[in-house]
């Protein structure tokens, strides 16, 4: 596998590093590791990657959401 594929599979971790709190970062790390480990089988990395991306996008949405004044 190339480095670009590993970078793509670790995207949930990289996005969750911008979130506040430790829980999204840990979950991003775990799902990225599962995605990398399960990527040896075609289509094996889809579920952990999608779960990690969902966690990362919700965490980033909560961080950048504006509160009404």
PDB file of N, CA and C in Angstrom:
ATOM      1  N   UNK A   1       0.837  -1.178   0.000  1.00  0.00           N
ATOM      2  CA  UNK A   1       0.000   0.000   0.000  1.00  0.00           C
ATOM      3  C   UNK A   1       0.885   1.246   0.000  1.00  0.00           C
ATOM      4  N   UNK A   2       0.347   2.275  -0.564  1.00  0.00           N
ATOM      5  CA  UNK A   2       1.119   3.507  -0.635  1.00  0.00           C
ATOM      6  C   UNK A   2       0.847   4.369   0.590  1.00  0.00           C
ATOM      7  N   UNK A   3       1.654   5.391   0.732  1.00  0.00           N
ATOM      8  CA  UNK A   3       1.501   6.301   1.863  1.00  0.00           C
ATOM      9  C   UNK A   3       0.206   7.093   1.767  1.00  0.00           C
ATOM     10  N   UNK A   4      -0.270   7.342   0.571  1.00  0.00           N
ATOM     11  CA  UNK A   4      -1.521   8.088   0.398  1.00  0.00           C
ATOM     12  C   UNK A   4      -2.707   7.297   0.947  1.00  0.00           C
ATOM     13  N   UNK A   5      -2.701   6.008   0.800  1.00  0.00           N
ATOM     14  CA  UNK A   5      -3.792   5.187   1.326  1.00  0.00           C
ATOM     15  C   UNK A   5      -3.759   5.181   2.853  1.00  0.00           C
ATOM     16  N   UNK A   6      -2.569   5.089   3.433  1.00  0.00           N
ATOM     17  CA  UNK A   6      -2.458   5.149   4.887  1.00  0.00           C
ATOM     18  C   UNK A   6      -2.884   6.512   5.417  1.00  0.00           C
ATOM     19  N   UNK A   7      -2.557   7.559   4.696  1.00  0.00           N
ATOM     20  CA  UNK A   7      -2.981   8.897   5.089  1.00  0.00           C
ATOM     21  C   UNK A   7      -4.496   9.023   5.020  1.00  0.00           C
ATOM     22  N   UNK A   8      -5.094   8.476   3.984  1.00  0.00           N
ATOM     23  CA  UNK A   8      -6.549   8.496   3.840  1.00  0.00           C
ATOM     24  C   UNK A   8      -7.223   7.693   4.953  1.00  0.00           C
ATOM     25  N   UNK A   9      -6.662   6.547   5.304  1.00  0.00           N
ATOM     26  CA  UNK A   9      -7.240   5.728   6.364  1.00  0.00           C
ATOM     27  C   UNK A   9      -7.056   6.359   7.739  1.00  0.00           C
ATOM     28  N   UNK A  10      -6.055   7.209   7.913  1.00  0.00           N
ATOM     29  CA  UNK A  10      -5.851   7.878   9.197  1.00  0.00           C
ATOM     30  C   UNK A  10      -6.514   9.253   9.244  1.00  0.00           C
ATOM     31  N   UNK A  11      -7.333   9.573   8.270  1.00  0.00           N
ATOM     32  CA  UNK A  11      -8.026  10.858   8.239  1.00  0.00           C
ATOM     33  C   UNK A  11      -8.931  11.076   9.450  1.00  0.00           C
ATOM     34  N   UNK A  12      -9.649  10.077   9.968  1.00  0.00           N
ATOM     35  CA  UNK A  12     -10.429  10.331  11.195  1.00  0.00           C
ATOM     36  C   UNK A  12      -9.563  10.786  12.367  1.00  0.00           C
ATOM     37  N   UNK A  13      -8.385  10.212  12.499  1.00  0.00           N
ATOM     38  CA  UNK A  13      -7.484  10.628  13.579  1.00  0.00           C
ATOM     39  C   UNK A  13      -7.018  12.059  13.356  1.00  0.00           C
ATOM     40  N   UNK A  14      -6.640  12.384  12.143  1.00  0.00           N
ATOM     41  CA  UNK A  14      -6.131  13.719  11.866  1.00  0.00           C
ATOM     42  C   UNK A  14      -7.202  14.786  12.069  1.00  0.00           C
ATOM     43  N   UNK A  15      -8.430  14.492  11.689  1.00  0.00           N
ATOM     44  CA  UNK A  15      -9.511  15.454  11.895  1.00  0.00           C
ATOM     45  C   UNK A  15      -9.895  15.569  13.367  1.00  0.00           C
ATOM     46  N   UNK A  16      -9.864  14.471  14.089  1.00  0.00           N
ATOM     47  CA  UNK A  16     -10.255  14.519  15.495  1.00  0.00           C
ATOM     48  C   UNK A  16      -9.215  15.216  16.363  1.00  0.00           C
ATOM     49  N   UNK A  17      -8.013  15.400  15.865  1.00  0.00           N
ATOM     50  CA  UNK A  17      -7.011  16.133  16.639  1.00  0.00           C
ATOM     51  C   UNK A  17      -7.380  17.606  16.795  1.00  0.00           C
ATOM     52  N   UNK A  18      -8.231  18.125  15.925  1.00  0.00           N
ATOM     53  CA  UNK A  18      -8.669  19.507  16.025  1.00  0.00           C
ATOM     54  C   UNK A  18      -9.849  19.674  16.970  1.00  0.00           C
ATOM     55  N   UNK A  19     -10.436  18.592  17.441  1.00  0.00           N
ATOM     56  CA  UNK A  19     -11.597  18.662  18.320  1.00  0.00           C
ATOM     57  C   UNK A  19     -11.155  18.893  19.754  1.00  0.00           C
ATOM     58  N   UNK A  20     -12.105  19.362  20.546  1.00  0.00           N
ATOM     59  CA  UNK A  20     -11.832  19.557  21.969  1.00  0.00           C
ATOM     60  C   UNK A  20     -12.132  18.269  22.712  1.00  0.00           C
ATOM     61  N   UNK A  21     -11.395  18.026  23.754  1.00  0.00           N
ATOM     62  CA  UNK A  21     -11.624  16.836  24.568  1.00  0.00           C
ATOM     63  C   UNK A  21     -10.776  15.667  24.112  1.00  0.00           C
ATOM     64  N   UNK A  22     -10.647  14.707  24.997  1.00  0.00           N
ATOM     65  CA  UNK A  22      -9.801  13.551  24.716  1.00  0.00           C
ATOM     66  C   UNK A  22     -10.561  12.404  24.067  1.00  0.00           C
ATOM     67  N   UNK A  23     -11.861  12.310  24.315  1.00  0.00           N
ATOM     68  CA  UNK A  23     -12.627  11.172  23.810  1.00  0.00           C
ATOM     69  C   UNK A  23     -12.657  11.101  22.283  1.00  0.00           C
ATOM     70  N   UNK A  24     -12.911  12.196  21.551  1.00  0.00           N
ATOM     71  CA  UNK A  24     -12.870  12.078  20.083  1.00  0.00           C
ATOM     72  C   UNK A  24     -11.488  11.717  19.550  1.00  0.00           C
ATOM     73  N   UNK A  25     -10.454  12.167  20.227  1.00  0.00           N
ATOM     74  CA  UNK A  25      -9.091  11.847  19.781  1.00  0.00           C
ATOM     75  C   UNK A  25      -8.793  10.361  19.959  1.00  0.00           C
ATOM     76  N   UNK A  26      -9.203   9.814  21.085  1.00  0.00           N
ATOM     77  CA  UNK A  26      -8.968   8.390  21.340  1.00  0.00           C
ATOM     78  C   UNK A  26      -9.790   7.536  20.379  1.00  0.00           C
ATOM     79  N   UNK A  27     -11.052   7.917  20.178  1.00  0.00           N
ATOM     80  CA  UNK A  27     -11.888   7.155  19.254  1.00  0.00           C
ATOM     81  C   UNK A  27     -11.395   7.273  17.817  1.00  0.00           C
ATOM     82  N   UNK A  28     -10.878   8.440  17.452  1.00  0.00           N
ATOM     83  CA  UNK A  28     -10.283   8.594  16.127  1.00  0.00           C
ATOM     84  C   UNK A  28      -9.056   7.717  15.946  1.00  0.00           C
ATOM     85  N   UNK A  29      -8.246   7.623  16.988  1.00  0.00           N
ATOM     86  CA  UNK A  29      -7.066   6.763  16.934  1.00  0.00           C
ATOM     87  C   UNK A  29      -7.468   5.296  16.805  1.00  0.00           C
ATOM     88  N   UNK A  30      -8.438   4.872  17.600  1.00  0.00           N
ATOM     89  CA  UNK A  30      -8.856   3.465  17.589  1.00  0.00           C
ATOM     90  C   UNK A  30      -9.467   3.094  16.241  1.00  0.00           C
ATOM     91  N   UNK A  31     -10.349   3.945  15.718  1.00  0.00           N
ATOM     92  CA  UNK A  31     -10.983   3.612  14.446  1.00  0.00           C
ATOM     93  C   UNK A  31      -9.987   3.663  13.296  1.00  0.00           C
ATOM     94  N   UNK A  32      -9.024   4.566  13.361  1.00  0.00           N
ATOM     95  CA  UNK A  32      -8.001   4.607  12.317  1.00  0.00           C
ATOM     96  C   UNK A  32      -7.120   3.366  12.350  1.00  0.00           C
ATOM     97  N   UNK A  33      -6.782   2.919  13.555  1.00  0.00           N
ATOM     98  CA  UNK A  33      -5.974   1.709  13.661  1.00  0.00           C
ATOM     99  C   UNK A  33      -6.746   0.488  13.159  1.00  0.00           C
ATOM    100  N   UNK A  34      -8.031   0.397  13.499  1.00  0.00           N
ATOM    101  CA  UNK A  34      -8.845  -0.705  12.979  1.00  0.00           C
ATOM    102  C   UNK A  34      -8.948  -0.646  11.464  1.00  0.00           C
ATOM    103  N   UNK A  35      -9.091   0.565  10.918  1.00  0.00           N
ATOM    104  CA  UNK A  35      -9.187   0.698   9.460  1.00  0.00           C
ATOM    105  C   UNK A  35      -7.898   0.253   8.787  1.00  0.00           C
ATOM    106  N   UNK A  36      -6.761   0.610   9.363  1.00  0.00           N
ATOM    107  CA  UNK A  36      -5.479   0.208   8.776  1.00  0.00           C
ATOM    108  C   UNK A  36      -5.285  -1.305   8.899  1.00  0.00           C
ATOM    109  N   UNK A  37      -5.639  -1.855  10.051  1.00  0.00           N
ATOM    110  CA  UNK A  37      -5.460  -3.294  10.248  1.00  0.00           C
ATOM    111  C   UNK A  37      -6.411  -4.120   9.380  1.00  0.00           C
ATOM    112  N   UNK A  38      -7.621  -3.641   9.158  1.00  0.00           N
ATOM    113  CA  UNK A  38      -8.591  -4.391   8.375  1.00  0.00           C
ATOM    114  C   UNK A  38      -8.513  -4.106   6.884  1.00  0.00           C
ATOM    115  N   UNK A  39      -7.601  -3.238   6.477  1.00  0.00           N
ATOM    116  CA  UNK A  39      -7.519  -2.872   5.065  1.00  0.00           C
ATOM    117  C   UNK A  39      -6.837  -3.928   4.201  1.00  0.00           C
ATOM    118  N   UNK A  40      -6.334  -4.996   4.801  1.00  0.00           N
ATOM    119  CA  UNK A  40      -5.705  -6.043   3.996  1.00  0.00           C
ATOM    120  C   UNK A  40      -6.750  -6.798   3.185  1.00  0.00           C
ATOM    121  N   UNK A  41      -7.982  -6.803   3.660  1.00  0.00           N
ATOM    122  CA  UNK A  41      -9.079  -7.442   2.943  1.00  0.00           C
ATOM    123  C   UNK A  41      -9.869  -6.360   2.210  1.00  0.00           C
ATOM    124  N   UNK A  42     -10.212  -6.560   0.945  1.00  0.00           N
ATOM    125  CA  UNK A  42     -10.949  -5.518   0.215  1.00  0.00           C
ATOM    126  C   UNK A  42     -12.287  -5.202   0.886  1.00  0.00           C
ATOM    127  N   UNK A  43     -12.502  -3.947   1.149  1.00  0.00           N
ATOM    128  CA  UNK A  43     -13.736  -3.499   1.779  1.00  0.00           C
ATOM    129  C   UNK A  43     -13.772  -3.682   3.278  1.00  0.00           C
ATOM    130  N   UNK A  44     -12.703  -4.137   3.865  1.00  0.00           N
ATOM    131  CA  UNK A  44     -12.690  -4.376   5.304  1.00  0.00           C
ATOM    132  C   UNK A  44     -12.564  -3.126   6.133  1.00  0.00           C
ATOM    133  N   UNK A  45     -12.057  -2.056   5.548  1.00  0.00           N
ATOM    134  CA  UNK A  45     -11.816  -0.832   6.296  1.00  0.00           C
ATOM    135  C   UNK A  45     -12.970   0.148   6.208  1.00  0.00           C
ATOM    136  N   UNK A  46     -14.051  -0.211   5.536  1.00  0.00           N
ATOM    137  CA  UNK A  46     -15.130   0.751   5.299  1.00  0.00           C
ATOM    138  C   UNK A  46     -15.852   1.112   6.590  1.00  0.00           C
ATOM    139  N   UNK A  47     -16.259   0.135   7.371  1.00  0.00           N
ATOM    140  CA  UNK A  47     -17.035   0.403   8.580  1.00  0.00           C
ATOM    141  C   UNK A  47     -16.235   1.177   9.632  1.00  0.00           C
ATOM    142  N   UNK A  48     -14.994   0.780   9.977  1.00  0.00           N
ATOM    143  CA  UNK A  48     -14.267   1.579  10.966  1.00  0.00           C
ATOM    144  C   UNK A  48     -13.939   2.978  10.462  1.00  0.00           C
ATOM    145  N   UNK A  49     -13.651   3.116   9.175  1.00  0.00           N
ATOM    146  CA  UNK A  49     -13.341   4.436   8.630  1.00  0.00           C
ATOM    147  C   UNK A  49     -14.569   5.336   8.669  1.00  0.00           C
ATOM    148  N   UNK A  50     -15.723   4.810   8.287  1.00  0.00           N
ATOM    149  CA  UNK A  50     -16.951   5.612   8.303  1.00  0.00           C
ATOM    150  C   UNK A  50     -17.344   5.983   9.731  1.00  0.00           C
ATOM    151  N   UNK A  51     -17.157   5.080  10.664  1.00  0.00           N
ATOM    152  CA  UNK A  51     -17.451   5.385  12.062  1.00  0.00           C
ATOM    153  C   UNK A  51     -16.524   6.477  12.586  1.00  0.00           C
ATOM    154  N   UNK A  52     -15.254   6.372  12.270  1.00  0.00           N
ATOM    155  CA  UNK A  52     -14.299   7.390  12.705  1.00  0.00           C
ATOM    156  C   UNK A  52     -14.570   8.750  12.081  1.00  0.00           C
ATOM    157  N   UNK A  53     -14.957   8.758  10.803  1.00  0.00           N
ATOM    158  CA  UNK A  53     -15.275  10.031  10.153  1.00  0.00           C
ATOM    159  C   UNK A  53     -16.529  10.658  10.756  1.00  0.00           C
ATOM    160  N   UNK A  54     -17.496   9.838  11.122  1.00  0.00           N
ATOM    161  CA  UNK A  54     -18.698  10.364  11.768  1.00  0.00           C
ATOM    162  C   UNK A  54     -18.363  10.984  13.119  1.00  0.00           C
ATOM    163  N   UNK A  55     -17.547  10.305  13.895  1.00  0.00           N
ATOM    164  CA  UNK A  55     -17.144  10.831  15.198  1.00  0.00           C
ATOM    165  C   UNK A  55     -16.361  12.128  15.032  1.00  0.00           C
ATOM    166  N   UNK A  56     -15.449  12.163  14.070  1.00  0.00           N
ATOM    167  CA  UNK A  56     -14.628  13.353  13.865  1.00  0.00           C
ATOM    168  C   UNK A  56     -15.456  14.532  13.368  1.00  0.00           C
ATOM    169  N   UNK A  57     -16.395  14.300  12.462  1.00  0.00           N
ATOM    170  CA  UNK A  57     -17.195  15.416  11.953  1.00  0.00           C
ATOM    171  C   UNK A  57     -18.138  15.955  13.018  1.00  0.00           C
ATOM    172  N   UNK A  58     -18.704  15.097  13.849  1.00  0.00           N
ATOM    173  CA  UNK A  58     -19.565  15.582  14.932  1.00  0.00           C
ATOM    174  C   UNK A  58     -18.747  16.378  15.946  1.00  0.00           C
ATOM    175  N   UNK A  59     -17.551  15.916  16.263  1.00  0.00           N
ATOM    176  CA  UNK A  59     -16.700  16.640  17.206  1.00  0.00           C
ATOM    177  C   UNK A  59     -16.278  17.992  16.642  1.00  0.00           C
ATOM    178  N   UNK A  60     -15.961  18.046  15.359  1.00  0.00           N
ATOM    179  CA  UNK A  60     -15.595  19.326  14.756  1.00  0.00           C
ATOM    180  C   UNK A  60     -16.795  20.253  14.635  1.00  0.00           C
ATOM    181  N   UNK A  61     -17.969  19.693  14.369  1.00  0.00           N
ATOM    182  CA  UNK A  61     -19.178  20.511  14.308  1.00  0.00           C
ATOM    183  C   UNK A  61     -19.450  21.155  15.666  1.00  0.00           C
ATOM    184  N   UNK A  62     -19.290  20.383  16.737  1.00  0.00           N
ATOM    185  CA  UNK A  62     -19.503  20.929  18.070  1.00  0.00           C
ATOM    186  C   UNK A  62     -18.460  21.989  18.414  1.00  0.00           C
ATOM    187  N   UNK A  63     -17.261  21.836  17.916  1.00  0.00           N
ATOM    188  CA  UNK A  63     -16.215  22.809  18.243  1.00  0.00           C
ATOM    189  C   UNK A  63     -16.448  24.134  17.527  1.00  0.00           C
ATOM    190  N   UNK A  64     -16.829  24.099  16.259  1.00  0.00           N
ATOM    191  CA  UNK A  64     -16.930  25.310  15.475  1.00  0.00           C
ATOM    192  C   UNK A  64     -18.337  25.892  15.410  1.00  0.00           C
ATOM    193  N   UNK A  65     -19.278  25.277  16.086  1.00  0.00           N
ATOM    194  CA  UNK A  65     -20.653  25.782  16.093  1.00  0.00           C
ATOM    195  C   UNK A  65     -20.695  27.088  16.896  1.00  0.00           C
ATOM    196  N   UNK A  66     -21.456  28.028  16.388  1.00  0.00           N
ATOM    197  CA  UNK A  66     -21.578  29.323  17.073  1.00  0.00           C
ATOM    198  C   UNK A  66     -22.787  29.301  17.991  1.00  0.00           C
ATOM    199  N   UNK A  67     -22.574  29.782  19.177  1.00  0.00           N
ATOM    200  CA  UNK A  67     -23.666  29.889  20.123  1.00  0.00           C
ATOM    201  C   UNK A  67     -24.355  31.229  19.929  1.00  0.00           C
ATOM    202  N   UNK A  68     -25.691  31.255  20.055  1.00  0.00           N
ATOM    203  CA  UNK A  68     -26.380  32.540  19.901  1.00  0.00           C
ATOM    204  C   UNK A  68     -26.017  33.488  21.040  1.00  0.00           C
ATOM    205  N   UNK A  69     -25.922  34.734  20.711  1.00  0.00           N
ATOM    206  CA  UNK A  69     -25.513  35.738  21.702  1.00  0.00           C
ATOM    207  C   UNK A  69     -26.693  36.251  22.473  1.00  0.00           C
TER     208      UNK A  69
END
